[in-house]
Amino acid sequence: MIHYDLICDKGHAFDGWFRNSSVYDEQAGSGLVTCAHCGSAKVEKQIMAPGIPMKSNRKSDSATKMVAAPTDPRLAELMNMVREMRKHVEENAEYVGNRFAEEARKIHYEESEQRGIYGQTTADEAKALVEEGITVHALPRLPEDGN
C-alpha cells in the first residue's frame, strides 16, 4: 500500500491509499480519484516526507504488518466507518473476484439474478460500467489490506 497526500485544483487537501503508484496513476488518469471535499477530478499528489520506521528491540517476522494509527480523531473515525462499510459489504454480498465487470453487466441486463456483488476490475472497466449506466462503487482499501 502507498499513501499519498492529495490536493485538488480548488486547494482542498485530503489523502488516499493505493495498492501501488501505478494504480494511483491509472485511477487518476481515468478521473476516478476525486476530491473528498468538492468532488473535483483535477487532483495532484502533494510533496510528502518519507515514512521511516523506528527501530524496535522486538524481533519481527516478515509477515508482521505495521500500521500507524491516525493522529487526527476525525480520520480515525472515518477509517472505522470505512472498515464497518467493508465488513457489511463482505457479509451481505457475493465475492466474484476478477469477474466483477462481467457479473455486474449480467445483473444489470437481467441475465443473472439480482444480488449484491463485490470483486476487482480495472479502472477502464469501471469507467465503462458507469458509462453504460451501471451503478458501481469502489471499496476503499485500508492500510492493513497490504498489497
N, C-alpha and C. Protein backbone atom coordinates (compact mmCIF):
# COMPACT_ATOMS: atom_id res chain seq x y z
N MET A 1 0.84 -1.18 0.00
CA MET A 1 0.00 0.00 0.00
C MET A 1 0.89 1.24 0.00
N ILE A 2 0.37 2.25 -0.70
CA ILE A 2 1.08 3.52 -0.71
C ILE A 2 0.08 4.61 -0.35
N HIS A 3 0.53 5.55 0.47
CA HIS A 3 -0.32 6.64 0.94
C HIS A 3 0.15 7.92 0.26
N TYR A 4 -0.81 8.66 -0.32
CA TYR A 4 -0.49 9.93 -0.93
C TYR A 4 -1.30 11.03 -0.26
N ASP A 5 -0.66 12.17 -0.01
CA ASP A 5 -1.37 13.39 0.34
C ASP A 5 -1.74 14.01 -0.99
N LEU A 6 -3.02 14.31 -1.16
CA LEU A 6 -3.53 14.80 -2.44
C LEU A 6 -4.10 16.20 -2.27
N ILE A 7 -4.19 16.93 -3.38
CA ILE A 7 -4.81 18.26 -3.37
C ILE A 7 -5.54 18.46 -4.69
N CYS A 8 -6.73 19.07 -4.61
CA CYS A 8 -7.50 19.31 -5.84
C CYS A 8 -7.19 20.71 -6.36
N ASP A 9 -7.74 21.01 -7.54
CA ASP A 9 -7.48 22.31 -8.16
C ASP A 9 -8.12 23.47 -7.39
N LYS A 10 -8.99 23.18 -6.43
CA LYS A 10 -9.59 24.23 -5.61
C LYS A 10 -8.86 24.38 -4.27
N GLY A 11 -7.77 23.62 -4.07
CA GLY A 11 -6.95 23.76 -2.87
C GLY A 11 -7.34 22.89 -1.70
N HIS A 12 -8.29 21.97 -1.89
CA HIS A 12 -8.69 21.08 -0.80
C HIS A 12 -7.65 19.96 -0.66
N ALA A 13 -7.15 19.77 0.54
CA ALA A 13 -6.16 18.72 0.81
C ALA A 13 -6.87 17.52 1.42
N PHE A 14 -6.48 16.31 0.98
CA PHE A 14 -7.02 15.06 1.51
C PHE A 14 -5.99 13.98 1.22
N ASP A 15 -6.26 12.76 1.68
CA ASP A 15 -5.28 11.71 1.43
C ASP A 15 -5.97 10.52 0.78
N GLY A 16 -5.15 9.63 0.24
CA GLY A 16 -5.65 8.43 -0.40
C GLY A 16 -4.65 7.30 -0.27
N TRP A 17 -5.19 6.08 -0.19
CA TRP A 17 -4.36 4.87 -0.13
C TRP A 17 -4.54 4.10 -1.42
N PHE A 18 -3.45 3.63 -2.00
CA PHE A 18 -3.50 2.91 -3.27
C PHE A 18 -2.61 1.68 -3.18
N ARG A 19 -2.93 0.67 -3.95
CA ARG A 19 -2.16 -0.58 -3.96
C ARG A 19 -0.70 -0.30 -4.29
N ASN A 20 -0.48 0.57 -5.28
CA ASN A 20 0.87 0.98 -5.65
C ASN A 20 0.77 2.26 -6.49
N SER A 21 1.89 2.82 -6.88
CA SER A 21 1.86 4.09 -7.61
C SER A 21 1.23 3.95 -8.98
N SER A 22 1.35 2.79 -9.61
CA SER A 22 0.74 2.57 -10.93
C SER A 22 -0.78 2.61 -10.84
N VAL A 23 -1.33 2.04 -9.77
CA VAL A 23 -2.78 2.06 -9.57
C VAL A 23 -3.26 3.50 -9.40
N TYR A 24 -2.51 4.29 -8.61
CA TYR A 24 -2.87 5.70 -8.47
C TYR A 24 -2.86 6.38 -9.84
N ASP A 25 -1.79 6.20 -10.60
CA ASP A 25 -1.68 6.84 -11.91
C ASP A 25 -2.84 6.44 -12.82
N GLU A 26 -3.19 5.16 -12.82
CA GLU A 26 -4.27 4.66 -13.66
C GLU A 26 -5.62 5.26 -13.24
N GLN A 27 -5.88 5.26 -11.93
CA GLN A 27 -7.15 5.78 -11.44
C GLN A 27 -7.25 7.30 -11.63
N ALA A 28 -6.18 8.01 -11.35
CA ALA A 28 -6.18 9.46 -11.52
C ALA A 28 -6.35 9.82 -13.00
N GLY A 29 -5.67 9.09 -13.87
CA GLY A 29 -5.78 9.33 -15.31
C GLY A 29 -7.16 9.05 -15.86
N SER A 30 -7.91 8.18 -15.20
CA SER A 30 -9.28 7.85 -15.63
C SER A 30 -10.33 8.71 -14.94
N GLY A 31 -9.90 9.65 -14.11
CA GLY A 31 -10.85 10.51 -13.41
C GLY A 31 -11.54 9.85 -12.24
N LEU A 32 -10.98 8.73 -11.74
CA LEU A 32 -11.60 8.01 -10.63
C LEU A 32 -11.13 8.50 -9.27
N VAL A 33 -10.08 9.31 -9.23
CA VAL A 33 -9.63 9.90 -7.96
C VAL A 33 -10.23 11.29 -7.90
N THR A 34 -11.13 11.50 -6.93
CA THR A 34 -11.81 12.79 -6.82
C THR A 34 -11.64 13.37 -5.43
N CYS A 35 -11.77 14.67 -5.35
CA CYS A 35 -11.62 15.39 -4.09
C CYS A 35 -12.69 14.95 -3.10
N ALA A 36 -12.27 14.66 -1.90
CA ALA A 36 -13.19 14.25 -0.85
C ALA A 36 -14.08 15.40 -0.39
N HIS A 37 -13.72 16.62 -0.71
CA HIS A 37 -14.47 17.79 -0.26
C HIS A 37 -15.44 18.32 -1.31
N CYS A 38 -14.97 18.43 -2.58
CA CYS A 38 -15.81 19.06 -3.60
C CYS A 38 -16.10 18.15 -4.80
N GLY A 39 -15.44 17.01 -4.89
CA GLY A 39 -15.70 16.08 -5.99
C GLY A 39 -14.90 16.34 -7.25
N SER A 40 -14.04 17.34 -7.25
CA SER A 40 -13.23 17.64 -8.43
C SER A 40 -12.33 16.46 -8.78
N ALA A 41 -12.22 16.16 -10.07
CA ALA A 41 -11.35 15.09 -10.54
C ALA A 41 -9.96 15.62 -10.92
N LYS A 42 -9.74 16.92 -10.76
CA LYS A 42 -8.43 17.52 -11.04
C LYS A 42 -7.62 17.47 -9.76
N VAL A 43 -6.94 16.34 -9.57
CA VAL A 43 -6.25 16.04 -8.32
C VAL A 43 -4.77 15.78 -8.60
N GLU A 44 -3.93 16.26 -7.71
CA GLU A 44 -2.49 16.03 -7.83
C GLU A 44 -1.93 15.57 -6.50
N LYS A 45 -0.78 14.89 -6.57
CA LYS A 45 -0.08 14.48 -5.35
C LYS A 45 0.64 15.70 -4.78
N GLN A 46 0.66 15.79 -3.44
CA GLN A 46 1.41 16.84 -2.78
C GLN A 46 2.80 16.30 -2.43
N ILE A 47 3.71 17.20 -2.15
CA ILE A 47 5.04 16.80 -1.69
C ILE A 47 4.89 16.17 -0.31
N MET A 48 5.53 15.03 -0.12
CA MET A 48 5.40 14.30 1.15
C MET A 48 6.78 13.92 1.67
N ALA A 49 6.89 13.84 2.97
CA ALA A 49 8.10 13.34 3.60
C ALA A 49 8.01 11.82 3.65
N PRO A 50 9.13 11.13 3.46
CA PRO A 50 9.07 9.67 3.52
C PRO A 50 8.80 9.18 4.93
N GLY A 51 8.11 8.05 5.04
CA GLY A 51 7.87 7.43 6.33
C GLY A 51 9.03 6.50 6.66
N ILE A 52 9.67 6.72 7.76
CA ILE A 52 10.83 5.91 8.15
C ILE A 52 10.46 5.16 9.42
N PRO A 53 10.45 3.81 9.38
CA PRO A 53 10.08 3.07 10.58
C PRO A 53 11.12 3.25 11.68
N MET A 54 10.65 3.22 12.93
CA MET A 54 11.55 3.35 14.08
C MET A 54 12.12 1.99 14.43
N LYS A 55 13.33 1.97 15.01
CA LYS A 55 13.93 0.73 15.47
C LYS A 55 13.14 0.21 16.66
N SER A 56 13.17 -1.08 16.81
CA SER A 56 12.47 -1.70 17.93
C SER A 56 13.37 -2.77 18.51
N ASN A 57 13.24 -3.01 19.79
CA ASN A 57 14.01 -4.08 20.42
C ASN A 57 13.39 -5.45 20.17
N ARG A 58 12.15 -5.44 19.67
CA ARG A 58 11.48 -6.71 19.41
C ARG A 58 11.85 -7.23 18.04
N LYS A 59 11.98 -8.53 17.95
CA LYS A 59 12.19 -9.16 16.65
C LYS A 59 10.85 -9.21 15.96
N SER A 60 10.85 -9.01 14.66
CA SER A 60 9.60 -9.10 13.91
C SER A 60 9.79 -10.04 12.75
N ASP A 61 8.74 -10.81 12.46
CA ASP A 61 8.83 -11.70 11.30
C ASP A 61 8.38 -10.91 10.08
N SER A 62 8.63 -11.46 8.91
CA SER A 62 8.33 -10.74 7.67
C SER A 62 6.83 -10.59 7.45
N ALA A 63 5.99 -11.35 8.15
CA ALA A 63 4.55 -11.25 7.98
C ALA A 63 3.95 -10.16 8.85
N THR A 64 4.72 -9.56 9.74
CA THR A 64 4.19 -8.52 10.61
C THR A 64 3.89 -7.28 9.80
N LYS A 65 2.68 -6.73 10.00
CA LYS A 65 2.31 -5.51 9.31
C LYS A 65 2.33 -4.38 10.31
N MET A 66 2.95 -3.27 9.93
CA MET A 66 2.96 -2.09 10.78
C MET A 66 1.99 -1.09 10.20
N VAL A 67 0.97 -0.72 10.97
CA VAL A 67 0.00 0.27 10.53
C VAL A 67 -0.06 1.35 11.59
N ALA A 68 0.27 2.55 11.19
CA ALA A 68 0.23 3.67 12.14
C ALA A 68 -1.22 4.09 12.36
N ALA A 69 -1.56 4.35 13.59
CA ALA A 69 -2.89 4.84 13.90
C ALA A 69 -2.97 6.31 13.50
N PRO A 70 -4.08 6.72 12.91
CA PRO A 70 -4.22 8.12 12.54
C PRO A 70 -4.19 9.01 13.78
N THR A 71 -3.53 10.15 13.68
CA THR A 71 -3.45 11.07 14.82
C THR A 71 -4.66 12.00 14.86
N ASP A 72 -5.29 12.25 13.75
CA ASP A 72 -6.48 13.10 13.69
C ASP A 72 -7.69 12.24 14.06
N PRO A 73 -8.42 12.58 15.12
CA PRO A 73 -9.57 11.76 15.53
C PRO A 73 -10.64 11.66 14.45
N ARG A 74 -10.76 12.68 13.61
CA ARG A 74 -11.74 12.61 12.51
C ARG A 74 -11.33 11.56 11.50
N LEU A 75 -10.02 11.46 11.23
CA LEU A 75 -9.52 10.45 10.30
C LEU A 75 -9.70 9.06 10.89
N ALA A 76 -9.43 8.91 12.18
CA ALA A 76 -9.62 7.62 12.84
C ALA A 76 -11.09 7.19 12.75
N GLU A 77 -12.01 8.13 12.97
CA GLU A 77 -13.44 7.83 12.88
C GLU A 77 -13.82 7.44 11.45
N LEU A 78 -13.29 8.17 10.48
CA LEU A 78 -13.55 7.85 9.07
C LEU A 78 -13.04 6.45 8.72
N MET A 79 -11.83 6.13 9.17
CA MET A 79 -11.26 4.80 8.89
C MET A 79 -12.13 3.71 9.50
N ASN A 80 -12.64 3.93 10.71
CA ASN A 80 -13.52 2.94 11.34
C ASN A 80 -14.83 2.80 10.57
N MET A 81 -15.35 3.91 10.05
CA MET A 81 -16.58 3.86 9.25
C MET A 81 -16.34 3.06 7.97
N VAL A 82 -15.18 3.26 7.34
CA VAL A 82 -14.84 2.52 6.13
C VAL A 82 -14.72 1.03 6.45
N ARG A 83 -14.10 0.70 7.57
CA ARG A 83 -13.99 -0.70 7.99
C ARG A 83 -15.37 -1.33 8.17
N GLU A 84 -16.27 -0.61 8.81
CA GLU A 84 -17.63 -1.12 9.02
C GLU A 84 -18.37 -1.31 7.70
N MET A 85 -18.20 -0.33 6.78
CA MET A 85 -18.84 -0.45 5.48
C MET A 85 -18.33 -1.68 4.73
N ARG A 86 -17.01 -1.85 4.73
CA ARG A 86 -16.43 -3.01 4.05
C ARG A 86 -16.90 -4.31 4.66
N LYS A 87 -16.97 -4.35 6.00
CA LYS A 87 -17.45 -5.55 6.69
C LYS A 87 -18.88 -5.86 6.27
N HIS A 88 -19.72 -4.83 6.21
CA HIS A 88 -21.12 -5.02 5.80
C HIS A 88 -21.20 -5.59 4.38
N VAL A 89 -20.43 -5.02 3.46
CA VAL A 89 -20.43 -5.50 2.08
C VAL A 89 -19.98 -6.95 2.03
N GLU A 90 -18.89 -7.27 2.72
CA GLU A 90 -18.36 -8.63 2.69
C GLU A 90 -19.33 -9.64 3.29
N GLU A 91 -20.12 -9.22 4.28
CA GLU A 91 -21.07 -10.13 4.91
C GLU A 91 -22.38 -10.26 4.13
N ASN A 92 -22.70 -9.28 3.26
CA ASN A 92 -24.00 -9.26 2.61
C ASN A 92 -23.96 -9.32 1.10
N ALA A 93 -22.80 -9.44 0.51
CA ALA A 93 -22.69 -9.50 -0.94
C ALA A 93 -21.82 -10.69 -1.33
N GLU A 94 -21.93 -11.09 -2.59
CA GLU A 94 -21.16 -12.23 -3.10
C GLU A 94 -19.84 -11.76 -3.70
N TYR A 95 -18.76 -12.40 -3.29
CA TYR A 95 -17.45 -12.08 -3.85
C TYR A 95 -17.31 -12.78 -5.21
N VAL A 96 -17.07 -12.01 -6.27
CA VAL A 96 -16.96 -12.58 -7.62
C VAL A 96 -15.56 -12.42 -8.20
N GLY A 97 -14.61 -11.93 -7.39
CA GLY A 97 -13.22 -11.82 -7.84
C GLY A 97 -13.06 -10.93 -9.05
N ASN A 98 -12.23 -11.37 -9.98
CA ASN A 98 -11.96 -10.55 -11.17
C ASN A 98 -13.05 -10.65 -12.23
N ARG A 99 -14.16 -11.33 -11.93
CA ARG A 99 -15.31 -11.38 -12.84
C ARG A 99 -16.31 -10.27 -12.54
N PHE A 100 -15.90 -9.26 -11.76
CA PHE A 100 -16.82 -8.23 -11.31
C PHE A 100 -17.55 -7.55 -12.46
N ALA A 101 -16.82 -7.04 -13.45
CA ALA A 101 -17.47 -6.30 -14.55
C ALA A 101 -18.45 -7.20 -15.29
N GLU A 102 -18.05 -8.41 -15.57
CA GLU A 102 -18.92 -9.37 -16.28
C GLU A 102 -20.19 -9.64 -15.48
N GLU A 103 -20.06 -9.89 -14.19
CA GLU A 103 -21.22 -10.18 -13.34
C GLU A 103 -22.11 -8.95 -13.17
N ALA A 104 -21.51 -7.77 -13.05
CA ALA A 104 -22.30 -6.54 -12.91
C ALA A 104 -23.16 -6.31 -14.14
N ARG A 105 -22.59 -6.57 -15.32
CA ARG A 105 -23.37 -6.43 -16.57
C ARG A 105 -24.50 -7.45 -16.62
N LYS A 106 -24.23 -8.69 -16.25
CA LYS A 106 -25.28 -9.72 -16.27
C LYS A 106 -26.44 -9.32 -15.36
N ILE A 107 -26.12 -8.81 -14.18
CA ILE A 107 -27.17 -8.40 -13.24
C ILE A 107 -27.92 -7.20 -13.81
N HIS A 108 -27.20 -6.22 -14.33
CA HIS A 108 -27.82 -5.01 -14.87
C HIS A 108 -28.76 -5.33 -16.03
N TYR A 109 -28.34 -6.21 -16.91
CA TYR A 109 -29.15 -6.56 -18.08
C TYR A 109 -30.09 -7.74 -17.82
N GLU A 110 -30.26 -8.08 -16.53
CA GLU A 110 -31.18 -9.12 -16.07
C GLU A 110 -30.90 -10.49 -16.70
N GLU A 111 -29.63 -10.76 -16.94
CA GLU A 111 -29.22 -12.08 -17.42
C GLU A 111 -28.82 -12.98 -16.25
N SER A 112 -28.80 -12.39 -15.07
CA SER A 112 -28.43 -13.10 -13.84
C SER A 112 -29.29 -12.54 -12.72
N GLU A 113 -29.42 -13.32 -11.64
CA GLU A 113 -30.26 -12.89 -10.52
C GLU A 113 -29.76 -11.59 -9.90
N GLN A 114 -30.70 -10.77 -9.45
CA GLN A 114 -30.38 -9.51 -8.77
C GLN A 114 -29.75 -9.83 -7.42
N ARG A 115 -28.55 -9.32 -7.15
CA ARG A 115 -27.86 -9.55 -5.89
C ARG A 115 -26.72 -8.56 -5.76
N GLY A 116 -26.26 -8.40 -4.55
CA GLY A 116 -25.09 -7.56 -4.32
C GLY A 116 -23.83 -8.36 -4.59
N ILE A 117 -22.88 -7.74 -5.25
CA ILE A 117 -21.60 -8.40 -5.55
C ILE A 117 -20.46 -7.43 -5.23
N TYR A 118 -19.27 -8.01 -5.05
CA TYR A 118 -18.07 -7.20 -4.96
C TYR A 118 -16.91 -8.03 -5.51
N GLY A 119 -15.88 -7.33 -5.97
CA GLY A 119 -14.72 -8.00 -6.56
C GLY A 119 -13.76 -6.96 -7.11
N GLN A 120 -12.97 -7.35 -8.09
CA GLN A 120 -11.99 -6.44 -8.68
C GLN A 120 -12.28 -6.23 -10.16
N THR A 121 -11.89 -5.05 -10.63
CA THR A 121 -11.93 -4.75 -12.05
C THR A 121 -10.90 -3.66 -12.32
N THR A 122 -10.63 -3.43 -13.57
CA THR A 122 -9.68 -2.37 -13.92
C THR A 122 -10.39 -1.02 -13.90
N ALA A 123 -9.61 0.04 -13.87
CA ALA A 123 -10.18 1.39 -13.90
C ALA A 123 -10.95 1.60 -15.20
N ASP A 124 -10.42 1.09 -16.32
CA ASP A 124 -11.11 1.23 -17.61
C ASP A 124 -12.44 0.50 -17.60
N GLU A 125 -12.48 -0.70 -17.03
CA GLU A 125 -13.74 -1.45 -16.95
C GLU A 125 -14.73 -0.74 -16.05
N ALA A 126 -14.27 -0.21 -14.91
CA ALA A 126 -15.16 0.50 -14.00
C ALA A 126 -15.76 1.72 -14.71
N LYS A 127 -14.94 2.44 -15.45
CA LYS A 127 -15.41 3.60 -16.19
C LYS A 127 -16.43 3.19 -17.25
N ALA A 128 -16.17 2.07 -17.94
CA ALA A 128 -17.11 1.57 -18.96
C ALA A 128 -18.44 1.18 -18.32
N LEU A 129 -18.41 0.56 -17.15
CA LEU A 129 -19.65 0.20 -16.45
C LEU A 129 -20.47 1.45 -16.15
N VAL A 130 -19.82 2.47 -15.63
CA VAL A 130 -20.51 3.72 -15.31
C VAL A 130 -21.10 4.35 -16.57
N GLU A 131 -20.34 4.34 -17.67
CA GLU A 131 -20.83 4.89 -18.93
C GLU A 131 -22.03 4.12 -19.46
N GLU A 132 -22.14 2.84 -19.12
CA GLU A 132 -23.29 2.03 -19.52
C GLU A 132 -24.49 2.25 -18.60
N GLY A 133 -24.31 3.05 -17.56
CA GLY A 133 -25.40 3.30 -16.63
C GLY A 133 -25.49 2.29 -15.50
N ILE A 134 -24.43 1.52 -15.29
CA ILE A 134 -24.38 0.52 -14.23
C ILE A 134 -23.76 1.18 -13.00
N THR A 135 -24.50 1.17 -11.92
CA THR A 135 -24.02 1.81 -10.69
C THR A 135 -23.00 0.92 -10.00
N VAL A 136 -21.80 1.44 -9.82
CA VAL A 136 -20.74 0.73 -9.10
C VAL A 136 -20.10 1.71 -8.13
N HIS A 137 -19.55 1.17 -7.07
CA HIS A 137 -18.83 1.98 -6.09
C HIS A 137 -17.54 1.26 -5.73
N ALA A 138 -16.46 2.01 -5.68
CA ALA A 138 -15.18 1.43 -5.28
C ALA A 138 -15.16 1.25 -3.76
N LEU A 139 -14.70 0.11 -3.31
CA LEU A 139 -14.49 -0.11 -1.89
C LEU A 139 -13.10 0.40 -1.56
N PRO A 140 -12.99 1.35 -0.66
CA PRO A 140 -11.67 1.88 -0.32
C PRO A 140 -10.78 0.80 0.28
N ARG A 141 -9.52 0.80 -0.09
CA ARG A 141 -8.54 -0.10 0.51
C ARG A 141 -8.04 0.58 1.78
N LEU A 142 -7.74 -0.22 2.74
CA LEU A 142 -7.25 0.28 4.02
C LEU A 142 -5.77 -0.05 4.18
N PRO A 143 -5.06 0.66 5.05
CA PRO A 143 -3.63 0.40 5.22
C PRO A 143 -3.34 -1.05 5.58
N GLU A 144 -4.18 -1.68 6.38
CA GLU A 144 -3.93 -3.06 6.78
C GLU A 144 -4.21 -4.09 5.69
N ASP A 145 -4.74 -3.66 4.54
CA ASP A 145 -5.02 -4.58 3.45
C ASP A 145 -3.76 -5.10 2.78
N GLY A 146 -2.67 -4.38 2.93
CA GLY A 146 -1.41 -4.82 2.31
C GLY A 146 -1.48 -4.71 0.81
N ASN A 147 -0.64 -5.50 0.12
CA ASN A 147 -0.59 -5.41 -1.35
C ASN A 147 -1.67 -6.16 -1.99
